[in-house]
Protein backbone atom coordinates (compact mmCIF):
# COMPACT_ATOMS: atom_id res chain seq x y z
CA MET A 1 122.14 97.55 78.22
CA PRO A 2 121.84 99.62 81.18
CA THR A 3 123.86 99.55 84.09
CA LEU A 4 122.14 98.23 87.04
CA VAL A 5 122.24 98.76 91.09
CA ALA A 6 120.84 97.56 93.74
CA GLY A 7 119.38 99.10 96.85
CA ILE A 8 118.28 97.22 99.96
CA ASP A 9 115.96 98.02 102.64
CA SER A 10 116.44 95.91 105.72
CA SER A 11 113.56 97.35 108.02
CA THR A 12 111.55 96.38 111.04
CA GLN A 13 108.86 95.16 109.13
CA SER A 14 110.69 93.67 105.90
CA CYS A 15 113.16 93.63 103.42
CA LYS A 16 113.10 95.28 100.13
CA VAL A 17 114.89 95.35 97.37
CA VAL A 18 115.01 97.76 94.38
CA ILE A 19 117.04 97.65 90.78
CA ARG A 20 117.92 100.99 89.56
CA ASP A 21 119.47 102.19 86.38
CA ALA A 22 122.36 103.47 87.67
CA HIS A 23 122.82 106.34 85.49
CA THR A 24 119.32 107.86 85.43
CA GLY A 25 117.81 105.87 88.71
CA GLU A 26 114.92 104.63 86.54
CA LEU A 27 113.15 101.73 88.42
CA VAL A 28 113.93 98.33 86.52
CA ARG A 29 112.45 95.79 89.34
CA THR A 30 111.76 95.02 92.46
CA GLY A 31 111.04 92.22 95.54
CA SER A 32 110.22 92.29 98.84
CA ALA A 33 109.59 89.35 101.78
CA LYS A 34 108.59 89.95 105.47
CA HIS A 35 110.51 90.25 108.42
CA PRO A 36 109.25 88.30 112.00
CA GLU A 37 107.49 90.64 114.13
CA GLY A 38 108.99 91.29 117.66
CA THR A 39 111.82 93.25 119.26
CA GLU A 40 114.05 90.46 119.30
CA VAL A 41 114.82 88.73 116.11
CA ALA A 42 117.23 86.08 114.98
CA PRO A 43 119.48 87.81 112.39
CA ALA A 44 119.40 84.75 110.40
CA ALA A 45 115.59 85.90 109.62
CA TRP A 46 116.92 89.21 107.85
CA TRP A 47 119.41 87.30 105.59
CA ALA A 48 116.73 84.48 104.78
CA ALA A 49 114.21 87.52 104.03
CA LEU A 50 116.93 89.24 101.80
CA ILE A 51 117.69 86.19 100.07
CA ASP A 52 114.14 85.97 99.19
CA ALA A 53 113.55 89.48 98.22
CA ILE A 54 116.58 89.36 95.93
CA ALA A 55 115.15 86.20 93.81
CA ALA A 56 111.86 88.47 93.70
CA ALA A 57 113.65 91.16 92.47
CA GLY A 58 114.99 88.75 89.27
CA GLY A 59 118.88 88.15 91.09
CA LEU A 60 121.76 89.85 90.98
CA ALA A 61 123.43 88.63 88.05
CA ASP A 62 122.87 91.72 85.89
CA VAL A 63 123.29 94.21 88.44
CA ALA A 64 127.01 95.58 88.98
CA ALA A 65 126.65 97.29 92.88
CA ALA A 66 124.78 96.81 95.98
CA SER A 67 124.30 98.78 99.35
CA VAL A 68 122.33 98.18 102.11
CA GLY A 69 120.02 100.59 104.38
CA GLY A 70 118.68 98.93 107.58
CA GLN A 71 117.23 99.39 110.98
CA GLN A 72 119.39 101.45 113.22
CA HIS A 73 120.50 100.36 116.47
CA GLY A 74 119.92 96.27 116.66
CA MET A 75 122.58 94.54 118.33
CA VAL A 76 124.20 91.59 116.58
CA ALA A 77 126.65 89.99 118.99
CA LEU A 78 129.14 87.52 117.46
CA ASP A 79 131.71 84.88 119.07
CA ALA A 80 135.38 84.78 117.51
CA GLN A 81 133.76 82.25 115.11
CA GLY A 82 131.52 84.71 113.24
CA GLU A 83 128.36 83.05 114.97
CA VAL A 84 125.72 85.36 116.17
CA ILE A 85 125.36 84.47 119.79
CA ARG A 86 121.71 85.78 120.48
CA ASP A 87 119.22 86.96 118.81
CA ALA A 88 119.39 90.69 118.12
CA LEU A 89 117.74 93.46 120.28
CA LEU A 90 116.06 95.83 118.12
CA TRP A 91 115.50 99.54 118.76
CA ASN A 92 112.44 99.35 119.85
CA ASP A 93 113.09 97.10 122.87
CA THR A 94 113.07 98.97 125.82
CA ARG A 95 114.63 96.39 128.06
CA SER A 96 117.61 98.12 128.34
CA ALA A 97 116.26 101.36 129.77
CA ASP A 98 117.73 101.21 132.83
CA ALA A 99 120.65 100.43 131.48
CA ALA A 100 120.50 103.70 129.66
CA ALA A 101 119.85 105.44 133.43
CA GLU A 102 122.76 104.04 134.72
CA LEU A 103 125.21 104.92 131.86
CA ILE A 104 123.95 108.77 132.44
CA ALA A 105 124.38 108.37 136.19
CA GLU A 106 127.93 106.86 135.67
CA TYR A 107 128.78 110.55 134.16
CA GLY A 108 127.08 112.54 136.85
CA GLY A 109 123.40 111.89 136.36
CA GLY A 110 120.75 114.21 135.48
CA THR A 111 121.45 117.00 133.42
CA GLU A 112 125.57 117.05 134.14
CA GLY A 113 125.72 113.23 132.84
CA ALA A 114 123.39 113.94 129.61
CA ALA A 115 125.76 117.04 128.64
CA ALA A 116 128.50 114.60 128.90
CA TRP A 117 127.30 112.02 126.62
CA THR A 118 126.28 114.34 124.11
CA ALA A 119 129.71 115.99 124.13
CA MET A 120 131.24 112.26 123.74
CA THR A 121 128.85 111.16 120.89
CA GLY A 122 126.52 113.65 120.08
CA SER A 123 123.63 111.71 121.81
CA VAL A 124 122.08 110.80 125.39
CA PRO A 125 121.99 107.03 126.20
CA VAL A 126 118.29 105.95 125.90
CA ALA A 127 117.11 102.26 125.57
CA SER A 128 117.35 102.04 121.53
CA LEU A 129 120.97 103.00 121.39
CA THR A 130 123.47 100.16 120.82
CA VAL A 131 125.59 100.80 123.85
CA THR A 132 123.09 100.33 126.33
CA LYS A 133 121.74 97.03 125.18
CA LEU A 134 125.94 96.09 125.60
CA ARG A 135 125.08 96.86 128.92
CA TRP A 136 122.29 94.85 129.31
CA LEU A 137 123.97 92.04 127.98
CA VAL A 138 126.69 92.40 130.44
CA ASP A 139 124.14 92.09 133.36
CA ALA A 140 121.33 89.88 132.47
CA GLU A 141 123.35 87.22 130.44
CA PRO A 142 127.06 87.20 131.44
CA GLU A 143 127.74 84.16 129.71
CA ASN A 144 126.82 85.60 126.30
CA ALA A 145 128.78 88.89 127.11
CA ALA A 146 132.25 86.85 127.97
CA ARG A 147 131.74 85.25 124.21
CA LEU A 148 131.21 88.60 122.53
CA ALA A 149 134.06 89.37 119.85
CA ALA A 150 132.55 91.50 117.33
CA VAL A 151 129.46 93.81 117.62
CA ALA A 152 127.87 94.75 114.06
CA LEU A 153 124.63 96.65 113.41
CA PRO A 154 121.98 94.91 111.45
CA HIS A 155 123.04 96.93 107.81
CA ASP A 156 126.79 96.20 108.44
CA TRP A 157 125.96 92.38 109.33
CA LEU A 158 123.71 92.04 106.03
CA THR A 159 126.88 93.82 103.91
CA TRP A 160 129.20 91.10 105.62
CA LYS A 161 126.65 88.31 104.37
CA LEU A 162 126.36 89.53 100.91
CA SER A 163 130.14 89.31 100.72
CA GLY A 164 130.69 85.83 101.64
CA SER A 165 133.51 86.29 104.17
CA THR A 166 133.66 84.93 107.46
CA GLU A 167 136.52 87.10 108.65
CA LEU A 168 135.34 89.66 111.50
CA ALA A 169 137.94 92.15 110.08
CA ASP A 170 135.93 92.46 107.01
CA LEU A 171 132.77 93.96 108.79
CA ALA A 172 132.39 97.61 107.51
CA THR A 173 129.92 100.29 108.25
CA ASP A 174 129.47 104.24 107.62
CA ARG A 175 129.09 107.21 109.52
CA SER A 176 125.29 107.01 109.61
CA ASP A 177 124.87 103.84 111.45
CA ALA A 178 127.75 103.82 113.72
CA SER A 179 126.46 107.17 114.95
CA GLY A 180 123.40 105.78 116.39
CA THR A 181 125.67 103.30 118.51
CA GLY A 182 126.62 105.67 121.28
CA TYR A 183 130.07 104.39 121.35
CA PHE A 184 130.84 106.30 118.35
CA ASP A 185 131.86 110.23 118.28
CA THR A 186 129.61 111.61 115.19
CA ALA A 187 131.82 115.13 115.18
CA ALA A 188 135.39 113.68 115.41
CA GLY A 189 133.99 110.94 113.16
CA SER A 190 135.76 107.81 115.50
CA TYR A 191 134.92 105.21 117.74
CA ARG A 192 134.83 105.92 121.58
CA TYR A 193 136.49 102.66 122.85
CA ASP A 194 136.19 103.79 126.69
CA LEU A 195 132.85 104.12 126.16
CA LEU A 196 132.44 100.65 124.53
CA ALA A 197 134.59 99.75 127.74
CA ARG A 198 132.06 101.34 130.06
CA ALA A 199 129.32 99.30 128.45
CA LEU A 200 130.79 96.17 128.92
CA ARG A 201 132.30 96.71 132.15
CA ILE A 202 135.76 96.15 130.64
CA SER A 203 138.94 97.55 130.61
CA GLU A 204 139.83 99.90 127.67
CA ASP A 205 142.34 97.52 126.33
CA ALA A 206 139.86 94.74 126.39
CA ALA A 207 137.38 96.86 124.87
CA ARG A 208 139.98 97.78 122.01
CA GLU A 209 140.14 93.89 121.51
CA ILE A 210 136.46 93.96 120.54
CA ILE A 211 135.94 94.14 116.72
CA LEU A 212 133.92 96.99 115.71
CA PRO A 213 133.02 97.62 112.19
CA ARG A 214 135.58 99.87 110.01
CA VAL A 215 133.93 103.39 109.26
CA CYS A 216 134.14 103.54 105.63
CA GLY A 217 133.93 106.60 103.35
CA PRO A 218 130.25 107.45 101.76
CA ARG A 219 131.29 106.12 98.34
CA GLU A 220 133.70 103.48 99.47
CA GLN A 221 133.66 100.44 97.86
CA VAL A 222 133.90 97.73 100.95
CA GLY A 223 134.06 94.47 99.13
CA THR A 224 132.20 92.37 96.52
CA GLY A 225 129.57 90.04 96.44
CA ASP A 226 130.50 86.29 97.57
CA PRO A 227 131.59 84.39 94.86
CA ALA A 228 130.05 81.28 95.75
CA ARG A 229 127.02 82.48 95.20
CA GLY A 230 128.12 84.15 91.70
CA TRP A 231 128.33 87.52 93.05
CA GLU A 232 131.95 88.15 92.41
CA HIS A 233 130.84 90.85 89.75
CA LEU A 234 129.00 92.95 92.82
CA LEU A 235 130.40 95.82 94.13
CA LEU A 236 129.36 96.52 97.66
CA GLY A 237 128.62 99.93 99.38
CA PRO A 238 129.19 100.81 102.52
CA GLY A 239 125.67 101.03 103.09
CA ALA A 240 123.94 103.49 105.69
CA GLY A 241 120.99 103.63 108.45
CA ASP A 242 117.74 103.63 107.28
CA ASN A 243 116.94 107.37 107.92
CA ALA A 244 120.12 108.22 106.18
CA ALA A 245 119.38 106.34 103.31
CA ALA A 246 115.99 107.66 102.93
CA ALA A 247 117.30 111.40 103.01
CA LEU A 248 119.88 110.08 100.36
CA GLY A 249 117.07 108.55 98.25
CA LEU A 250 114.84 111.85 98.80
CA GLY A 251 118.01 113.73 97.51
CA MET A 252 118.09 115.88 101.01
CA SER A 253 119.87 119.18 101.69
CA THR A 254 120.76 121.37 104.48
CA GLY A 255 116.93 122.88 105.20
CA ASP A 256 115.12 120.11 104.19
CA VAL A 257 113.33 118.01 106.92
CA ALA A 258 111.47 114.58 106.41
CA LEU A 259 108.96 113.07 108.52
CA SER A 260 109.15 109.44 107.89
CA ILE A 261 105.82 107.71 109.64
CA GLY A 262 106.70 103.88 109.89
CA THR A 263 106.97 101.20 113.00
CA SER A 264 108.58 104.30 114.42
CA GLY A 265 107.87 108.11 113.65
CA VAL A 266 111.51 110.31 112.99
CA VAL A 267 112.08 113.94 111.96
CA SER A 268 115.23 113.95 110.66
CA ALA A 269 116.84 117.19 109.09
CA VAL A 270 120.08 117.46 107.16
CA SER A 271 122.97 119.66 108.82
CA PRO A 272 126.09 120.77 107.91
CA GLU A 273 127.19 121.21 111.50
CA PRO A 274 126.77 118.63 113.99
CA ILE A 275 124.41 118.97 116.68
CA GLN A 276 124.50 118.41 120.45
CA ASP A 277 121.10 118.45 122.54
CA PRO A 278 122.11 117.63 126.58
CA SER A 279 118.42 117.09 126.18
CA GLY A 280 118.15 113.82 124.80
CA MET A 281 115.41 115.00 122.34
CA VAL A 282 117.53 115.25 119.49
CA THR A 283 120.12 112.81 118.72
CA GLY A 284 123.33 113.99 116.59
CA PHE A 285 123.72 111.54 114.10
CA ALA A 286 125.83 111.70 110.53
CA ASP A 287 124.08 111.25 107.27
CA ALA A 288 125.36 109.42 104.15
CA THR A 289 127.06 111.70 102.39
CA GLY A 290 129.55 113.54 104.93
CA GLU A 291 127.26 115.84 106.64
CA PHE A 292 125.07 115.31 109.81
CA LEU A 293 121.22 114.18 110.09
CA PRO A 294 120.08 115.07 113.39
CA LEU A 295 116.89 112.82 114.46
CA ALA A 296 113.92 112.99 116.28
CA VAL A 297 112.49 109.49 117.03
CA THR A 298 109.39 108.80 118.58
CA LEU A 299 108.91 105.05 119.51
CA ASN A 300 105.07 104.72 118.48
CA GLY A 301 104.25 105.89 114.51
CA SER A 302 102.13 103.80 112.53
CA ARG A 303 100.96 101.43 114.94
CA VAL A 304 98.86 104.11 116.63
CA LEU A 305 96.93 104.57 113.51
CA ASP A 306 96.89 100.51 113.21
CA GLY A 307 95.73 100.60 117.10
CA ALA A 308 92.79 102.95 116.32
CA ALA A 309 91.76 101.03 113.36
CA LYS A 310 91.60 97.86 115.25
CA MET A 311 89.55 99.45 118.02
CA LEU A 312 87.18 101.46 115.51
CA GLY A 313 87.08 97.72 113.57
CA VAL A 314 87.87 99.72 110.25
CA ASP A 315 90.83 99.62 107.62
CA HIS A 316 92.92 102.33 107.22
CA ALA A 317 91.08 103.92 104.42
CA GLY A 318 88.09 103.96 107.06
CA LEU A 319 89.79 105.58 109.66
CA ALA A 320 91.02 108.60 107.55
CA ASP A 321 87.31 109.10 106.51
CA LEU A 322 86.34 109.25 110.29
CA ALA A 323 88.96 111.50 111.32
CA LEU A 324 88.48 113.80 108.27
CA ALA A 325 84.86 113.64 109.51
CA ALA A 326 85.50 115.17 112.48
CA GLN A 327 86.44 119.16 113.66
CA PRO A 328 90.08 119.73 114.67
CA GLY A 329 90.18 119.24 118.15
CA ALA A 330 88.31 116.03 118.44
CA ASN A 331 85.83 117.94 120.33
CA GLY A 332 88.52 118.07 123.05
CA LEU A 333 89.79 114.59 122.94
CA THR A 334 93.35 114.01 123.02
CA LEU A 335 95.45 110.61 122.66
CA VAL A 336 98.69 110.81 123.66
CA PRO A 337 99.80 107.57 121.84
CA TYR A 338 102.52 106.36 124.24
CA LEU A 339 101.29 102.89 123.40
CA GLU A 340 104.89 101.11 123.91
CA GLY A 341 106.62 103.31 126.07
CA GLU A 342 108.14 106.60 124.39
CA ARG A 343 111.47 108.16 123.26
CA THR A 344 110.65 111.51 122.68
CA PRO A 345 110.34 112.48 125.52
CA ASN A 346 112.21 109.55 127.06
CA LEU A 347 109.54 107.53 129.08
CA PRO A 348 110.13 104.05 128.05
CA TYR A 349 107.70 102.67 130.57
CA ALA A 350 104.80 105.14 129.72
CA THR A 351 101.77 103.98 128.41
CA GLY A 352 98.86 105.54 126.21
CA SER A 353 95.85 107.64 127.25
CA PHE A 354 92.60 109.09 126.16
CA ILE A 355 92.56 112.01 128.17
CA GLY A 356 89.25 114.72 127.49
CA LEU A 357 86.85 112.22 127.18
CA THR A 358 83.19 113.03 127.23
CA LEU A 359 79.76 112.06 125.66
CA ALA A 360 80.13 114.45 123.21
CA SER A 361 83.84 112.98 121.67
CA MET A 362 82.90 109.41 122.53
CA ASN A 363 82.06 108.65 118.89
CA PRO A 364 84.23 106.70 116.44
CA GLN A 365 85.06 110.38 114.65
CA ASP A 366 86.48 112.11 117.09
CA VAL A 367 88.31 109.10 118.48
CA ALA A 368 89.67 108.31 114.88
CA ARG A 369 90.78 112.24 115.11
CA ALA A 370 92.42 112.23 118.17
CA ALA A 371 94.42 109.21 117.20
CA VAL A 372 95.82 110.83 114.03
CA GLU A 373 96.05 114.16 116.23
CA GLY A 374 98.07 112.56 118.47
CA LEU A 375 100.25 111.10 116.11
CA LEU A 376 101.31 114.22 114.38
CA CYS A 377 101.52 116.01 117.26
CA GLY A 378 104.29 113.83 118.83
CA LEU A 379 105.94 114.32 115.75
CA ALA A 380 105.62 118.05 115.96
CA ASP A 381 107.25 117.87 119.22
CA GLY A 382 110.19 116.47 117.55
CA LEU A 383 110.39 118.71 114.92
CA GLU A 384 110.09 121.53 117.39
CA ALA A 385 113.14 120.19 119.30
CA MET A 386 114.89 120.06 115.89
CA THR A 387 114.46 124.00 115.71
CA SER A 388 115.05 124.70 119.10
CA GLN A 389 118.66 123.41 118.28
CA GLY A 390 119.33 125.88 115.72
CA VAL A 391 118.52 122.87 112.59
CA PRO A 392 117.15 125.33 109.61
CA VAL A 393 113.70 124.00 108.39
CA GLU A 394 112.87 125.31 104.79
CA SER A 395 110.86 122.34 103.57
CA ILE A 396 109.39 119.37 105.16
CA THR A 397 108.55 115.99 103.21
CA LEU A 398 106.04 113.41 104.80
CA ILE A 399 106.88 109.60 103.99
CA GLY A 400 106.47 106.28 105.35
CA GLY A 401 103.52 104.12 105.49
CA ALA A 402 101.16 106.13 107.30
CA ALA A 403 102.11 109.37 105.45
CA ARG A 404 99.44 107.46 102.27
CA SER A 405 96.80 107.96 104.84
CA ALA A 406 94.76 110.61 103.11
CA ALA A 407 94.09 111.56 107.10
CA VAL A 408 97.46 112.31 108.46
CA GLN A 409 98.29 113.93 104.72
CA GLN A 410 95.39 116.49 105.63
CA ILE A 411 95.88 117.09 108.91
CA ALA A 412 99.55 117.72 109.27
CA PRO A 413 100.21 121.10 107.88
CA ALA A 414 97.17 122.30 110.27
CA ILE A 415 99.24 120.35 113.10
CA LEU A 416 102.76 121.39 111.87
CA GLY A 417 101.57 124.92 110.89
CA ARG A 418 103.65 125.03 107.71
CA GLU A 419 102.97 123.46 104.46
CA VAL A 420 104.12 119.60 103.63
CA SER A 421 105.32 117.70 100.71
CA VAL A 422 103.94 113.91 100.40
CA PRO A 423 106.07 112.19 97.41
CA ALA A 424 104.25 109.71 95.40
CA PRO A 425 104.93 106.42 97.55
CA GLY A 426 107.74 104.77 97.07
CA GLU A 427 110.69 102.82 99.01
CA TYR A 428 113.25 105.84 99.78
CA VAL A 429 115.67 103.66 101.80
CA ALA A 430 115.72 101.35 99.16
CA ASP A 431 116.16 104.25 96.59
CA GLY A 432 119.05 105.65 98.71
CA ALA A 433 120.60 102.63 99.16
CA ALA A 434 120.70 102.24 95.33
CA ARG A 435 122.03 105.71 94.89
CA GLN A 436 124.81 105.13 96.77
CA ALA A 437 125.62 102.18 95.11
CA ALA A 438 125.78 103.74 91.88
CA TRP A 439 128.05 106.40 93.67
CA VAL A 440 130.46 103.66 94.53
CA LEU A 441 130.32 102.32 90.90
CA SER A 442 131.08 105.57 89.17
CA GLY A 443 133.60 107.23 92.06
CA ALA A 444 132.57 110.82 91.23
CA PRO A 445 132.77 113.67 93.46
CA ASN A 446 129.10 113.74 94.50
CA PRO A 447 125.90 111.18 94.24
CA PRO A 448 124.27 110.95 90.87
CA ALA A 449 121.30 113.62 90.28
CA TRP A 450 118.54 111.45 89.76
CA SER A 451 115.33 112.88 89.19
CA THR A 452 112.90 110.10 90.70
CA VAL A 453 110.44 111.77 93.18
CA GLU A 454 107.39 113.57 92.32
CA THR A 455 105.52 115.46 95.42
CA GLN A 456 102.38 117.28 96.13
CA THR A 457 102.28 120.03 98.08
CA ILE A 458 99.38 120.12 100.79
CA THR A 459 98.32 122.95 103.17
CA ALA A 460 95.73 123.45 105.58
CA THR A 461 94.45 126.20 108.41
CA PRO A 462 97.21 126.03 111.53
CA THR A 463 95.00 124.69 114.36
CA PRO A 464 97.92 125.82 117.49
CA GLU A 465 95.02 124.77 119.83
CA VAL A 466 95.60 121.15 119.50
CA ARG A 467 99.14 121.46 120.10
CA GLN A 468 98.61 123.20 123.27
CA ALA A 469 96.00 120.85 124.17
CA TYR A 470 98.21 117.94 123.57
CA ALA A 471 101.18 119.60 125.37
CA ALA A 472 98.93 120.10 128.26
CA ARG A 473 97.91 116.71 128.36
CA ARG A 474 101.40 114.80 127.52
CA GLY A 475 102.65 116.73 130.48
CA LEU A 476 100.17 114.63 132.64
CA ILE A 477 101.33 111.32 131.64
CA ALA A 478 105.28 112.65 131.63
CA GLN A 479 104.00 113.46 135.49
CA LYS A 480 103.24 110.26 136.33
CA HIS A 481 106.23 108.55 135.13
């Protein structure tokens, strides 16, 4: 009988569980369950979905180890009894945008404040980061802030729930997820309690009384499963943030870049050195192996295509057909897709705009093309921000739900000016978590060398004029906000 491991992906939209052979990586079985929509979600809903997904995957009775990859930044506020104080604010909840601006202003504001935060944590505060959500909590809900005894992230909390522990001291995490909080020094690998104190408007001594998850090594066992559920045999890995888990699932190394188009759009790259970008375009996160994972993130990912398809009355395949029937540049039509505000650039209150609409472009084909090009131009901006920070780019892999679109696949290399690799559809976050679980189980110096990803390479004639038009029109949106 093979030794089995479980990888869990608790994303914004759903929970996925993969069960794989620990030695070969062969997929044995899977399960999934939906999450509720919204930017504010009760963590209990994640736990219920995880239990359902585990059941759908055939349970954990024959599984030796498990790890959780989870959506980053979400604020799980816990009281002294370990109870959730309020619904979690997710990464894409922008109500803390003013709090982010305040935190930057408190360190000098503008370029000075951004540079200070970058030096301290590797990232400039934006509404996505947990530190800004804590400041919002203090100002908007002081009665809830007064009850705060511990702060966890979604994956930390789910790992804790899998263990069955009710002791806050047993909360555990890894560098990759901790690096997205805004109160963790990514380069030094330690929490900044002075920044936690700043966010909560309390003294540093008081901040040190707040329990933060213990930051564990990438192959460290953090506990065992809940005996009450018959999981005492299950070793638990430290888990990871979703982007770091996906990088591990894809086997990324220095020079590899992933463009992930899910609810958000993410450009991630493995780097041997920490990245500090005072502009805030690139966040200096850690990866799941001991290196670093700089990210450029857009708030608007696959839902740009969802919205365009709904507007045109077609499904996603129909949208792709329409987009590919149009010429590059969509007859001069540009969609700046800041539909729910934007993070790259940091415009939390922006809205989207079609610019350049004429009688010639007022047709379904050009509207569809503009939607795909606008989505990809936003990601190209993120890639350009990465290269400007010296991040090496040797290969680009396109992943995520929207990467299955034929239009996205064929237009991406034209917009990016580089060939792209498109792996077969898979659950790369869950796969990375499973690979980590196998690593924890083996105790080896390096993660197992699974060969589970098959890719195709796609090329296209570059269309720099499309990006140039987008850049000019994107600037118009920025000037308004």
